[in-house]
Amino acid sequence: MMKKDKTMPKFKNEDEEREFWATHSPLDYFDTKDFKRASFPKLKPSLKSISIRLPEGMLAELKTLANKKDVPYQSLAKIYLARQISLERGSFRTAPKKRRQKADAQQVTGADF
């Protein structure tokens, strides 16, 4: 696993190790051919699925609006909820339309959720 040309030093504490790695590359001490992909199956997802009951007309209107904006209706619902939460908190800023659309697009990708 370790390259033959360099041996891993022994560290007395974390501070000493931190100092060492700040000035050295791990690639000088480990062979990347031996690396294996890690799997973390017990990590909790950052998103939580919920069920919400909406009047049929409201859902139809949401889907129509989402279709016009070419985004999934669930993503549009998240954008609207995020805006309203920001308004309630008093942190929503009115931005020029292009910047606001860019921010909305970032939220659709899940960047803020």
PDB file of N, CA and C in Angstrom:
ATOM      1  N   MET A   1       0.823  -1.195   0.000  1.00  0.00           N
ATOM      2  CA  MET A   1       0.000   0.000   0.000  1.00  0.00           C
ATOM      3  C   MET A   1       0.865   1.255   0.000  1.00  0.00           C
ATOM      4  N   MET A   2       1.893   1.296   0.826  1.00  0.00           N
ATOM      5  CA  MET A   2       2.738   2.489   0.875  1.00  0.00           C
ATOM      6  C   MET A   2       3.822   2.398  -0.190  1.00  0.00           C
ATOM      7  N   LYS A   3       4.217   3.536  -0.735  1.00  0.00           N
ATOM      8  CA  LYS A   3       5.318   3.566  -1.679  1.00  0.00           C
ATOM      9  C   LYS A   3       6.603   3.218  -0.948  1.00  0.00           C
ATOM     10  N   LYS A   4       7.527   2.608  -1.665  1.00  0.00           N
ATOM     11  CA  LYS A   4       8.765   2.145  -1.038  1.00  0.00           C
ATOM     12  C   LYS A   4       9.745   3.274  -0.745  1.00  0.00           C
ATOM     13  N   ASP A   5       9.650   4.375  -1.503  1.00  0.00           N
ATOM     14  CA  ASP A   5      10.646   5.432  -1.351  1.00  0.00           C
ATOM     15  C   ASP A   5      10.457   6.296  -0.107  1.00  0.00           C
ATOM     16  N   LYS A   6       9.276   6.367   0.458  1.00  0.00           N
ATOM     17  CA  LYS A   6       9.061   7.200   1.646  1.00  0.00           C
ATOM     18  C   LYS A   6       8.309   6.403   2.706  1.00  0.00           C
ATOM     19  N   THR A   7       8.746   6.541   3.941  1.00  0.00           N
ATOM     20  CA  THR A   7       8.067   5.871   5.045  1.00  0.00           C
ATOM     21  C   THR A   7       7.247   6.884   5.821  1.00  0.00           C
ATOM     22  N   MET A   8       6.105   6.433   6.254  1.00  0.00           N
ATOM     23  CA  MET A   8       5.196   7.289   7.008  1.00  0.00           C
ATOM     24  C   MET A   8       5.793   7.577   8.383  1.00  0.00           C
ATOM     25  N   PRO A   9       5.931   8.845   8.761  1.00  0.00           N
ATOM     26  CA  PRO A   9       6.476   9.154  10.090  1.00  0.00           C
ATOM     27  C   PRO A   9       5.462   8.841  11.188  1.00  0.00           C
ATOM     28  N   LYS A  10       5.946   8.668  12.379  1.00  0.00           N
ATOM     29  CA  LYS A  10       5.085   8.474  13.550  1.00  0.00           C
ATOM     30  C   LYS A  10       4.844   9.852  14.162  1.00  0.00           C
ATOM     31  N   PHE A  11       3.593  10.126  14.527  1.00  0.00           N
ATOM     32  CA  PHE A  11       3.243  11.440  15.074  1.00  0.00           C
ATOM     33  C   PHE A  11       2.933  11.316  16.556  1.00  0.00           C
ATOM     34  N   LYS A  12       3.355  12.302  17.326  1.00  0.00           N
ATOM     35  CA  LYS A  12       3.108  12.309  18.771  1.00  0.00           C
ATOM     36  C   LYS A  12       1.681  12.742  19.090  1.00  0.00           C
ATOM     37  N   ASN A  13       1.130  13.616  18.224  1.00  0.00           N
ATOM     38  CA  ASN A  13      -0.230  14.117  18.456  1.00  0.00           C
ATOM     39  C   ASN A  13      -0.808  14.647  17.146  1.00  0.00           C
ATOM     40  N   GLU A  14      -2.071  15.034  17.182  1.00  0.00           N
ATOM     41  CA  GLU A  14      -2.757  15.535  15.980  1.00  0.00           C
ATOM     42  C   GLU A  14      -2.132  16.820  15.453  1.00  0.00           C
ATOM     43  N   ASP A  15      -1.706  17.690  16.339  1.00  0.00           N
ATOM     44  CA  ASP A  15      -1.096  18.948  15.904  1.00  0.00           C
ATOM     45  C   ASP A  15       0.151  18.691  15.065  1.00  0.00           C
ATOM     46  N   GLU A  16       0.968  17.745  15.527  1.00  0.00           N
ATOM     47  CA  GLU A  16       2.177  17.406  14.780  1.00  0.00           C
ATOM     48  C   GLU A  16       1.831  16.816  13.412  1.00  0.00           C
ATOM     49  N   GLU A  17       0.815  15.971  13.382  1.00  0.00           N
ATOM     50  CA  GLU A  17       0.381  15.369  12.117  1.00  0.00           C
ATOM     51  C   GLU A  17      -0.186  16.425  11.172  1.00  0.00           C
ATOM     52  N   ARG A  18      -1.000  17.321  11.719  1.00  0.00           N
ATOM     53  CA  ARG A  18      -1.594  18.401  10.928  1.00  0.00           C
ATOM     54  C   ARG A  18      -0.504  19.268  10.301  1.00  0.00           C
ATOM     55  N   GLU A  19       0.495  19.584  11.087  1.00  0.00           N
ATOM     56  CA  GLU A  19       1.621  20.397  10.620  1.00  0.00           C
ATOM     57  C   GLU A  19       2.372  19.683   9.485  1.00  0.00           C
ATOM     58  N   PHE A  20       2.554  18.385   9.653  1.00  0.00           N
ATOM     59  CA  PHE A  20       3.257  17.596   8.642  1.00  0.00           C
ATOM     60  C   PHE A  20       2.493  17.608   7.315  1.00  0.00           C
ATOM     61  N   TRP A  21       1.174  17.310   7.364  1.00  0.00           N
ATOM     62  CA  TRP A  21       0.391  17.213   6.134  1.00  0.00           C
ATOM     63  C   TRP A  21       0.174  18.571   5.482  1.00  0.00           C
ATOM     64  N   ALA A  22       0.362  19.638   6.215  1.00  0.00           N
ATOM     65  CA  ALA A  22       0.246  20.978   5.624  1.00  0.00           C
ATOM     66  C   ALA A  22       1.384  21.240   4.640  1.00  0.00           C
ATOM     67  N   THR A  23       2.496  20.499   4.781  1.00  0.00           N
ATOM     68  CA  THR A  23       3.662  20.725   3.920  1.00  0.00           C
ATOM     69  C   THR A  23       4.044  19.502   3.091  1.00  0.00           C
ATOM     70  N   HIS A  24       3.285  18.411   3.184  1.00  0.00           N
ATOM     71  CA  HIS A  24       3.604  17.187   2.444  1.00  0.00           C
ATOM     72  C   HIS A  24       2.358  16.675   1.719  1.00  0.00           C
ATOM     73  N   SER A  25       2.579  15.959   0.651  1.00  0.00           N
ATOM     74  CA  SER A  25       1.466  15.378  -0.108  1.00  0.00           C
ATOM     75  C   SER A  25       1.271  13.915   0.268  1.00  0.00           C
ATOM     76  N   PRO A  26       0.038  13.503   0.513  1.00  0.00           N
ATOM     77  CA  PRO A  26      -0.227  12.086   0.786  1.00  0.00           C
ATOM     78  C   PRO A  26       0.147  11.200  -0.409  1.00  0.00           C
ATOM     79  N   LEU A  27       0.141  11.784  -1.611  1.00  0.00           N
ATOM     80  CA  LEU A  27       0.472  11.004  -2.801  1.00  0.00           C
ATOM     81  C   LEU A  27       1.918  10.528  -2.803  1.00  0.00           C
ATOM     82  N   ASP A  28       2.768  11.163  -1.992  1.00  0.00           N
ATOM     83  CA  ASP A  28       4.152  10.714  -1.867  1.00  0.00           C
ATOM     84  C   ASP A  28       4.278   9.496  -0.957  1.00  0.00           C
ATOM     85  N   TYR A  29       3.244   9.188  -0.204  1.00  0.00           N
ATOM     86  CA  TYR A  29       3.309   8.118   0.788  1.00  0.00           C
ATOM     87  C   TYR A  29       2.372   6.952   0.500  1.00  0.00           C
ATOM     88  N   PHE A  30       1.390   7.160  -0.357  1.00  0.00           N
ATOM     89  CA  PHE A  30       0.417   6.107  -0.646  1.00  0.00           C
ATOM     90  C   PHE A  30       0.345   5.888  -2.153  1.00  0.00           C
ATOM     91  N   ASP A  31       0.169   4.666  -2.556  1.00  0.00           N
ATOM     92  CA  ASP A  31       0.037   4.318  -3.960  1.00  0.00           C
ATOM     93  C   ASP A  31      -1.449   4.372  -4.323  1.00  0.00           C
ATOM     94  N   THR A  32      -1.793   5.220  -5.260  1.00  0.00           N
ATOM     95  CA  THR A  32      -3.209   5.413  -5.623  1.00  0.00           C
ATOM     96  C   THR A  32      -3.811   4.159  -6.247  1.00  0.00           C
ATOM     97  N   LYS A  33      -2.986   3.250  -6.723  1.00  0.00           N
ATOM     98  CA  LYS A  33      -3.501   1.994  -7.301  1.00  0.00           C
ATOM     99  C   LYS A  33      -4.170   1.133  -6.226  1.00  0.00           C
ATOM    100  N   ASP A  34      -3.783   1.336  -4.985  1.00  0.00           N
ATOM    101  CA  ASP A  34      -4.337   0.549  -3.889  1.00  0.00           C
ATOM    102  C   ASP A  34      -5.613   1.153  -3.300  1.00  0.00           C
ATOM    103  N   PHE A  35      -5.985   2.346  -3.743  1.00  0.00           N
ATOM    104  CA  PHE A  35      -7.174   3.004  -3.205  1.00  0.00           C
ATOM    105  C   PHE A  35      -8.432   2.237  -3.611  1.00  0.00           C
ATOM    106  N   LYS A  36      -9.402   2.222  -2.740  1.00  0.00           N
ATOM    107  CA  LYS A  36     -10.698   1.591  -3.011  1.00  0.00           C
ATOM    108  C   LYS A  36     -11.788   2.611  -2.764  1.00  0.00           C
ATOM    109  N   ARG A  37     -12.847   2.530  -3.555  1.00  0.00           N
ATOM    110  CA  ARG A  37     -13.976   3.441  -3.398  1.00  0.00           C
ATOM    111  C   ARG A  37     -14.668   3.149  -2.073  1.00  0.00           C
ATOM    112  N   ALA A  38     -14.909   4.193  -1.308  1.00  0.00           N
ATOM    113  CA  ALA A  38     -15.576   4.049  -0.007  1.00  0.00           C
ATOM    114  C   ALA A  38     -17.092   4.085  -0.191  1.00  0.00           C
ATOM    115  N   SER A  39     -17.768   3.385   0.668  1.00  0.00           N
ATOM    116  CA  SER A  39     -19.225   3.374   0.653  1.00  0.00           C
ATOM    117  C   SER A  39     -19.704   3.693   2.066  1.00  0.00           C
ATOM    118  N   PHE A  40     -20.649   4.617   2.170  1.00  0.00           N
ATOM    119  CA  PHE A  40     -21.191   5.012   3.468  1.00  0.00           C
ATOM    120  C   PHE A  40     -22.711   4.817   3.462  1.00  0.00           C
ATOM    121  N   PRO A  41     -23.174   3.575   3.536  1.00  0.00           N
ATOM    122  CA  PRO A  41     -24.603   3.297   3.394  1.00  0.00           C
ATOM    123  C   PRO A  41     -25.484   3.812   4.529  1.00  0.00           C
ATOM    124  N   LYS A  42     -24.907   4.129   5.678  1.00  0.00           N
ATOM    125  CA  LYS A  42     -25.734   4.558   6.804  1.00  0.00           C
ATOM    126  C   LYS A  42     -25.833   6.074   6.946  1.00  0.00           C
ATOM    127  N   LEU A  43     -25.269   6.811   5.976  1.00  0.00           N
ATOM    128  CA  LEU A  43     -25.393   8.266   6.025  1.00  0.00           C
ATOM    129  C   LEU A  43     -26.843   8.655   5.773  1.00  0.00           C
ATOM    130  N   LYS A  44     -27.310   9.617   6.520  1.00  0.00           N
ATOM    131  CA  LYS A  44     -28.685  10.079   6.341  1.00  0.00           C
ATOM    132  C   LYS A  44     -28.738  11.076   5.192  1.00  0.00           C
ATOM    133  N   PRO A  45     -29.737  10.967   4.312  1.00  0.00           N
ATOM    134  CA  PRO A  45     -29.845  11.941   3.221  1.00  0.00           C
ATOM    135  C   PRO A  45     -30.180  13.317   3.768  1.00  0.00           C
ATOM    136  N   SER A  46     -29.741  14.344   3.060  1.00  0.00           N
ATOM    137  CA  SER A  46     -29.981  15.701   3.538  1.00  0.00           C
ATOM    138  C   SER A  46     -31.407  16.165   3.230  1.00  0.00           C
ATOM    139  N   LEU A  47     -32.093  15.431   2.380  1.00  0.00           N
ATOM    140  CA  LEU A  47     -33.468  15.795   2.050  1.00  0.00           C
ATOM    141  C   LEU A  47     -34.429  14.848   2.756  1.00  0.00           C
ATOM    142  N   LYS A  48     -35.571  15.376   3.126  1.00  0.00           N
ATOM    143  CA  LYS A  48     -36.597  14.587   3.794  1.00  0.00           C
ATOM    144  C   LYS A  48     -37.832  14.579   2.911  1.00  0.00           C
ATOM    145  N   SER A  49     -38.310  13.411   2.574  1.00  0.00           N
ATOM    146  CA  SER A  49     -39.532  13.301   1.781  1.00  0.00           C
ATOM    147  C   SER A  49     -40.739  13.505   2.685  1.00  0.00           C
ATOM    148  N   ILE A  50     -41.712  14.246   2.171  1.00  0.00           N
ATOM    149  CA  ILE A  50     -42.957  14.462   2.919  1.00  0.00           C
ATOM    150  C   ILE A  50     -44.134  14.250   1.988  1.00  0.00           C
ATOM    151  N   SER A  51     -45.272  14.045   2.568  1.00  0.00           N
ATOM    152  CA  SER A  51     -46.513  13.996   1.804  1.00  0.00           C
ATOM    153  C   SER A  51     -47.314  15.231   2.170  1.00  0.00           C
ATOM    154  N   ILE A  52     -47.912  15.840   1.186  1.00  0.00           N
ATOM    155  CA  ILE A  52     -48.714  17.028   1.439  1.00  0.00           C
ATOM    156  C   ILE A  52     -49.964  16.948   0.575  1.00  0.00           C
ATOM    157  N   ARG A  53     -51.080  17.244   1.164  1.00  0.00           N
ATOM    158  CA  ARG A  53     -52.347  17.220   0.424  1.00  0.00           C
ATOM    159  C   ARG A  53     -52.634  18.628  -0.096  1.00  0.00           C
ATOM    160  N   LEU A  54     -52.862  18.716  -1.395  1.00  0.00           N
ATOM    161  CA  LEU A  54     -53.172  19.996  -2.031  1.00  0.00           C
ATOM    162  C   LEU A  54     -54.480  19.879  -2.783  1.00  0.00           C
ATOM    163  N   PRO A  55     -55.218  20.963  -2.849  1.00  0.00           N
ATOM    164  CA  PRO A  55     -56.417  20.939  -3.690  1.00  0.00           C
ATOM    165  C   PRO A  55     -56.001  20.654  -5.144  1.00  0.00           C
ATOM    166  N   GLU A  56     -56.814  19.888  -5.856  1.00  0.00           N
ATOM    167  CA  GLU A  56     -56.475  19.501  -7.229  1.00  0.00           C
ATOM    168  C   GLU A  56     -56.184  20.711  -8.117  1.00  0.00           C
ATOM    169  N   GLY A  57     -56.977  21.764  -7.949  1.00  0.00           N
ATOM    170  CA  GLY A  57     -56.776  22.962  -8.765  1.00  0.00           C
ATOM    171  C   GLY A  57     -55.419  23.612  -8.505  1.00  0.00           C
ATOM    172  N   MET A  58     -55.014  23.636  -7.249  1.00  0.00           N
ATOM    173  CA  MET A  58     -53.720  24.235  -6.897  1.00  0.00           C
ATOM    174  C   MET A  58     -52.576  23.410  -7.501  1.00  0.00           C
ATOM    175  N   LEU A  59     -52.684  22.089  -7.409  1.00  0.00           N
ATOM    176  CA  LEU A  59     -51.659  21.227  -7.975  1.00  0.00           C
ATOM    177  C   LEU A  59     -51.593  21.377  -9.498  1.00  0.00           C
ATOM    178  N   ALA A  60     -52.750  21.464 -10.132  1.00  0.00           N
ATOM    179  CA  ALA A  60     -52.789  21.645 -11.586  1.00  0.00           C
ATOM    180  C   ALA A  60     -52.134  22.967 -11.978  1.00  0.00           C
ATOM    181  N   GLU A  61     -52.422  24.025 -11.221  1.00  0.00           N
ATOM    182  CA  GLU A  61     -51.816  25.328 -11.506  1.00  0.00           C
ATOM    183  C   GLU A  61     -50.301  25.293 -11.282  1.00  0.00           C
ATOM    184  N   LEU A  62     -49.860  24.630 -10.222  1.00  0.00           N
ATOM    185  CA  LEU A  62     -48.434  24.491  -9.948  1.00  0.00           C
ATOM    186  C   LEU A  62     -47.740  23.757 -11.098  1.00  0.00           C
ATOM    187  N   LYS A  63     -48.358  22.688 -11.587  1.00  0.00           N
ATOM    188  CA  LYS A  63     -47.786  21.928 -12.696  1.00  0.00           C
ATOM    189  C   LYS A  63     -47.740  22.762 -13.976  1.00  0.00           C
ATOM    190  N   THR A  64     -48.774  23.569 -14.210  1.00  0.00           N
ATOM    191  CA  THR A  64     -48.794  24.438 -15.390  1.00  0.00           C
ATOM    192  C   THR A  64     -47.672  25.465 -15.317  1.00  0.00           C
ATOM    193  N   LEU A  65     -47.522  26.112 -14.152  1.00  0.00           N
ATOM    194  CA  LEU A  65     -46.448  27.099 -13.966  1.00  0.00           C
ATOM    195  C   LEU A  65     -45.072  26.451 -14.117  1.00  0.00           C
ATOM    196  N   ALA A  66     -44.913  25.273 -13.532  1.00  0.00           N
ATOM    197  CA  ALA A  66     -43.630  24.572 -13.616  1.00  0.00           C
ATOM    198  C   ALA A  66     -43.311  24.217 -15.069  1.00  0.00           C
ATOM    199  N   ASN A  67     -44.321  23.796 -15.802  1.00  0.00           N
ATOM    200  CA  ASN A  67     -44.123  23.453 -17.209  1.00  0.00           C
ATOM    201  C   ASN A  67     -43.673  24.678 -18.008  1.00  0.00           C
ATOM    202  N   LYS A  68     -44.263  25.826 -17.731  1.00  0.00           N
ATOM    203  CA  LYS A  68     -43.869  27.069 -18.412  1.00  0.00           C
ATOM    204  C   LYS A  68     -42.422  27.433 -18.095  1.00  0.00           C
ATOM    205  N   LYS A  69     -41.985  27.132 -16.866  1.00  0.00           N
ATOM    206  CA  LYS A  69     -40.614  27.456 -16.448  1.00  0.00           C
ATOM    207  C   LYS A  69     -39.648  26.313 -16.756  1.00  0.00           C
ATOM    208  N   ASP A  70     -40.165  25.212 -17.278  1.00  0.00           N
ATOM    209  CA  ASP A  70     -39.368  24.041 -17.631  1.00  0.00           C
ATOM    210  C   ASP A  70     -38.598  23.481 -16.432  1.00  0.00           C
ATOM    211  N   VAL A  71     -39.298  23.357 -15.308  1.00  0.00           N
ATOM    212  CA  VAL A  71     -38.733  22.745 -14.106  1.00  0.00           C
ATOM    213  C   VAL A  71     -39.753  21.746 -13.558  1.00  0.00           C
ATOM    214  N   PRO A  72     -39.304  20.746 -12.818  1.00  0.00           N
ATOM    215  CA  PRO A  72     -40.261  19.829 -12.181  1.00  0.00           C
ATOM    216  C   PRO A  72     -41.144  20.586 -11.168  1.00  0.00           C
ATOM    217  N   TYR A  73     -42.392  20.188 -11.082  1.00  0.00           N
ATOM    218  CA  TYR A  73     -43.309  20.929 -10.195  1.00  0.00           C
ATOM    219  C   TYR A  73     -42.897  20.837  -8.734  1.00  0.00           C
ATOM    220  N   GLN A  74     -42.268  19.727  -8.327  1.00  0.00           N
ATOM    221  CA  GLN A  74     -41.814  19.627  -6.940  1.00  0.00           C
ATOM    222  C   GLN A  74     -40.720  20.655  -6.655  1.00  0.00           C
ATOM    223  N   SER A  75     -39.841  20.875  -7.630  1.00  0.00           N
ATOM    224  CA  SER A  75     -38.778  21.865  -7.473  1.00  0.00           C
ATOM    225  C   SER A  75     -39.351  23.269  -7.396  1.00  0.00           C
ATOM    226  N   LEU A  76     -40.363  23.547  -8.216  1.00  0.00           N
ATOM    227  CA  LEU A  76     -41.005  24.859  -8.166  1.00  0.00           C
ATOM    228  C   LEU A  76     -41.679  25.068  -6.812  1.00  0.00           C
ATOM    229  N   ALA A  77     -42.285  24.032  -6.286  1.00  0.00           N
ATOM    230  CA  ALA A  77     -42.910  24.129  -4.960  1.00  0.00           C
ATOM    231  C   ALA A  77     -41.849  24.456  -3.909  1.00  0.00           C
ATOM    232  N   LYS A  78     -40.647  23.841  -4.012  1.00  0.00           N
ATOM    233  CA  LYS A  78     -39.559  24.140  -3.064  1.00  0.00           C
ATOM    234  C   LYS A  78     -39.121  25.591  -3.180  1.00  0.00           C
ATOM    235  N   ILE A  79     -39.055  26.092  -4.407  1.00  0.00           N
ATOM    236  CA  ILE A  79     -38.671  27.495  -4.619  1.00  0.00           C
ATOM    237  C   ILE A  79     -39.691  28.415  -3.955  1.00  0.00           C
ATOM    238  N   TYR A  80     -40.971  28.143  -4.184  1.00  0.00           N
ATOM    239  CA  TYR A  80     -42.018  28.989  -3.594  1.00  0.00           C
ATOM    240  C   TYR A  80     -41.993  28.920  -2.070  1.00  0.00           C
ATOM    241  N   LEU A  81     -41.784  27.741  -1.523  1.00  0.00           N
ATOM    242  CA  LEU A  81     -41.705  27.608  -0.065  1.00  0.00           C
ATOM    243  C   LEU A  81     -40.493  28.360   0.484  1.00  0.00           C
ATOM    244  N   ALA A  82     -39.362  28.231  -0.196  1.00  0.00           N
ATOM    245  CA  ALA A  82     -38.150  28.924   0.261  1.00  0.00           C
ATOM    246  C   ALA A  82     -38.339  30.436   0.241  1.00  0.00           C
ATOM    247  N   ARG A  83     -38.988  30.947  -0.814  1.00  0.00           N
ATOM    248  CA  ARG A  83     -39.249  32.392  -0.891  1.00  0.00           C
ATOM    249  C   ARG A  83     -40.138  32.849   0.256  1.00  0.00           C
ATOM    250  N   GLN A  84     -41.193  32.106   0.511  1.00  0.00           N
ATOM    251  CA  GLN A  84     -42.124  32.511   1.562  1.00  0.00           C
ATOM    252  C   GLN A  84     -41.474  32.440   2.941  1.00  0.00           C
ATOM    253  N   ILE A  85     -40.662  31.422   3.164  1.00  0.00           N
ATOM    254  CA  ILE A  85     -39.944  31.317   4.434  1.00  0.00           C
ATOM    255  C   ILE A  85     -39.012  32.513   4.597  1.00  0.00           C
ATOM    256  N   SER A  86     -38.314  32.874   3.514  1.00  0.00           N
ATOM    257  CA  SER A  86     -37.426  34.040   3.550  1.00  0.00           C
ATOM    258  C   SER A  86     -38.212  35.317   3.828  1.00  0.00           C
ATOM    259  N   LEU A  87     -39.365  35.445   3.205  1.00  0.00           N
ATOM    260  CA  LEU A  87     -40.202  36.629   3.449  1.00  0.00           C
ATOM    261  C   LEU A  87     -40.633  36.702   4.908  1.00  0.00           C
ATOM    262  N   GLU A  88     -41.046  35.572   5.450  1.00  0.00           N
ATOM    263  CA  GLU A  88     -41.489  35.528   6.848  1.00  0.00           C
ATOM    264  C   GLU A  88     -40.350  35.879   7.797  1.00  0.00           C
ATOM    265  N   ARG A  89     -39.150  35.459   7.451  1.00  0.00           N
ATOM    266  CA  ARG A  89     -37.984  35.761   8.277  1.00  0.00           C
ATOM    267  C   ARG A  89     -37.483  37.183   8.049  1.00  0.00           C
ATOM    268  N   GLY A  90     -37.943  37.802   6.976  1.00  0.00           N
ATOM    269  CA  GLY A  90     -37.511  39.153   6.660  1.00  0.00           C
ATOM    270  C   GLY A  90     -36.177  39.195   5.952  1.00  0.00           C
ATOM    271  N   SER A  91     -35.753  38.053   5.400  1.00  0.00           N
ATOM    272  CA  SER A  91     -34.447  38.014   4.762  1.00  0.00           C
ATOM    273  C   SER A  91     -34.522  37.951   3.243  1.00  0.00           C
ATOM    274  N   PHE A  92     -35.721  38.030   2.685  1.00  0.00           N
ATOM    275  CA  PHE A  92     -35.855  37.965   1.227  1.00  0.00           C
ATOM    276  C   PHE A  92     -35.528  39.322   0.640  1.00  0.00           C
ATOM    277  N   ARG A  93     -34.591  39.316  -0.305  1.00  0.00           N
ATOM    278  CA  ARG A  93     -34.198  40.554  -0.972  1.00  0.00           C
ATOM    279  C   ARG A  93     -34.767  40.559  -2.375  1.00  0.00           C
ATOM    280  N   THR A  94     -35.263  41.679  -2.790  1.00  0.00           N
ATOM    281  CA  THR A  94     -35.734  41.804  -4.157  1.00  0.00           C
ATOM    282  C   THR A  94     -34.511  42.015  -5.033  1.00  0.00           C
ATOM    283  N   ALA A  95     -34.329  41.117  -5.986  1.00  0.00           N
ATOM    284  CA  ALA A  95     -33.176  41.184  -6.879  1.00  0.00           C
ATOM    285  C   ALA A  95     -33.663  41.418  -8.298  1.00  0.00           C
ATOM    286  N   PRO A  96     -32.789  41.950  -9.151  1.00  0.00           N
ATOM    287  CA  PRO A  96     -33.163  42.058 -10.554  1.00  0.00           C
ATOM    288  C   PRO A  96     -33.573  40.692 -11.089  1.00  0.00           C
ATOM    289  N   LYS A  97     -34.458  40.674 -12.085  1.00  0.00           N
ATOM    290  CA  LYS A  97     -35.064  39.435 -12.559  1.00  0.00           C
ATOM    291  C   LYS A  97     -34.033  38.379 -12.947  1.00  0.00           C
ATOM    292  N   LYS A  98     -32.984  38.738 -13.691  1.00  0.00           N
ATOM    293  CA  LYS A  98     -32.000  37.743 -14.126  1.00  0.00           C
ATOM    294  C   LYS A  98     -31.291  37.100 -12.936  1.00  0.00           C
ATOM    295  N   ARG A  99     -30.887  37.903 -11.950  1.00  0.00           N
ATOM    296  CA  ARG A  99     -30.214  37.350 -10.771  1.00  0.00           C
ATOM    297  C   ARG A  99     -31.177  36.470  -9.982  1.00  0.00           C
ATOM    298  N   ARG A 100     -32.434  36.875  -9.899  1.00  0.00           N
ATOM    299  CA  ARG A 100     -33.432  36.105  -9.172  1.00  0.00           C
ATOM    300  C   ARG A 100     -33.661  34.767  -9.877  1.00  0.00           C
ATOM    301  N   GLN A 101     -33.707  34.770 -11.218  1.00  0.00           N
ATOM    302  CA  GLN A 101     -33.900  33.531 -11.959  1.00  0.00           C
ATOM    303  C   GLN A 101     -32.707  32.599 -11.767  1.00  0.00           C
ATOM    304  N   LYS A 102     -31.498  33.155 -11.734  1.00  0.00           N
ATOM    305  CA  LYS A 102     -30.299  32.343 -11.514  1.00  0.00           C
ATOM    306  C   LYS A 102     -30.350  31.709 -10.124  1.00  0.00           C
ATOM    307  N   ALA A 103     -30.750  32.492  -9.129  1.00  0.00           N
ATOM    308  CA  ALA A 103     -30.866  31.968  -7.766  1.00  0.00           C
ATOM    309  C   ALA A 103     -31.928  30.875  -7.707  1.00  0.00           C
ATOM    310  N   ASP A 104     -33.051  31.086  -8.406  1.00  0.00           N
ATOM    311  CA  ASP A 104     -34.099  30.073  -8.456  1.00  0.00           C
ATOM    312  C   ASP A 104     -33.571  28.790  -9.087  1.00  0.00           C
ATOM    313  N   ALA A 105     -32.794  28.924 -10.150  1.00  0.00           N
ATOM    314  CA  ALA A 105     -32.240  27.752 -10.824  1.00  0.00           C
ATOM    315  C   ALA A 105     -31.305  26.985  -9.901  1.00  0.00           C
ATOM    316  N   GLN A 106     -30.511  27.706  -9.097  1.00  0.00           N
ATOM    317  CA  GLN A 106     -29.614  27.034  -8.168  1.00  0.00           C
ATOM    318  C   GLN A 106     -30.413  26.274  -7.115  1.00  0.00           C
ATOM    319  N   GLN A 107     -31.524  26.850  -6.689  1.00  0.00           N
ATOM    320  CA  GLN A 107     -32.347  26.173  -5.697  1.00  0.00           C
ATOM    321  C   GLN A 107     -32.993  24.933  -6.281  1.00  0.00           C
ATOM    322  N   VAL A 108     -33.346  24.986  -7.569  1.00  0.00           N
ATOM    323  CA  VAL A 108     -33.960  23.827  -8.216  1.00  0.00           C
ATOM    324  C   VAL A 108     -33.013  22.647  -8.206  1.00  0.00           C
ATOM    325  N   THR A 109     -31.717  22.910  -8.322  1.00  0.00           N
ATOM    326  CA  THR A 109     -30.736  21.822  -8.319  1.00  0.00           C
ATOM    327  C   THR A 109     -30.545  21.248  -6.927  1.00  0.00           C
ATOM    328  N   GLY A 110     -31.138  21.864  -5.906  1.00  0.00           N
ATOM    329  CA  GLY A 110     -31.021  21.333  -4.561  1.00  0.00           C
ATOM    330  C   GLY A 110     -29.885  21.956  -3.772  1.00  0.00           C
ATOM    331  N   ALA A 111     -29.273  23.005  -4.302  1.00  0.00           N
ATOM    332  CA  ALA A 111     -28.123  23.611  -3.631  1.00  0.00           C
ATOM    333  C   ALA A 111     -28.469  24.108  -2.224  1.00  0.00           C
ATOM    334  N   ASP A 112     -29.670  24.570  -2.034  1.00  0.00           N
ATOM    335  CA  ASP A 112     -30.045  25.122  -0.736  1.00  0.00           C
ATOM    336  C   ASP A 112     -30.962  24.193   0.063  1.00  0.00           C
ATOM    337  N   PHE A 113     -31.213  23.009  -0.441  1.00  0.00           N
ATOM    338  CA  PHE A 113     -32.155  22.137   0.241  1.00  0.00           C
ATOM    339  C   PHE A 113     -31.518  20.833   0.615  1.00  0.00           C
TER     340      PHE A 113
END
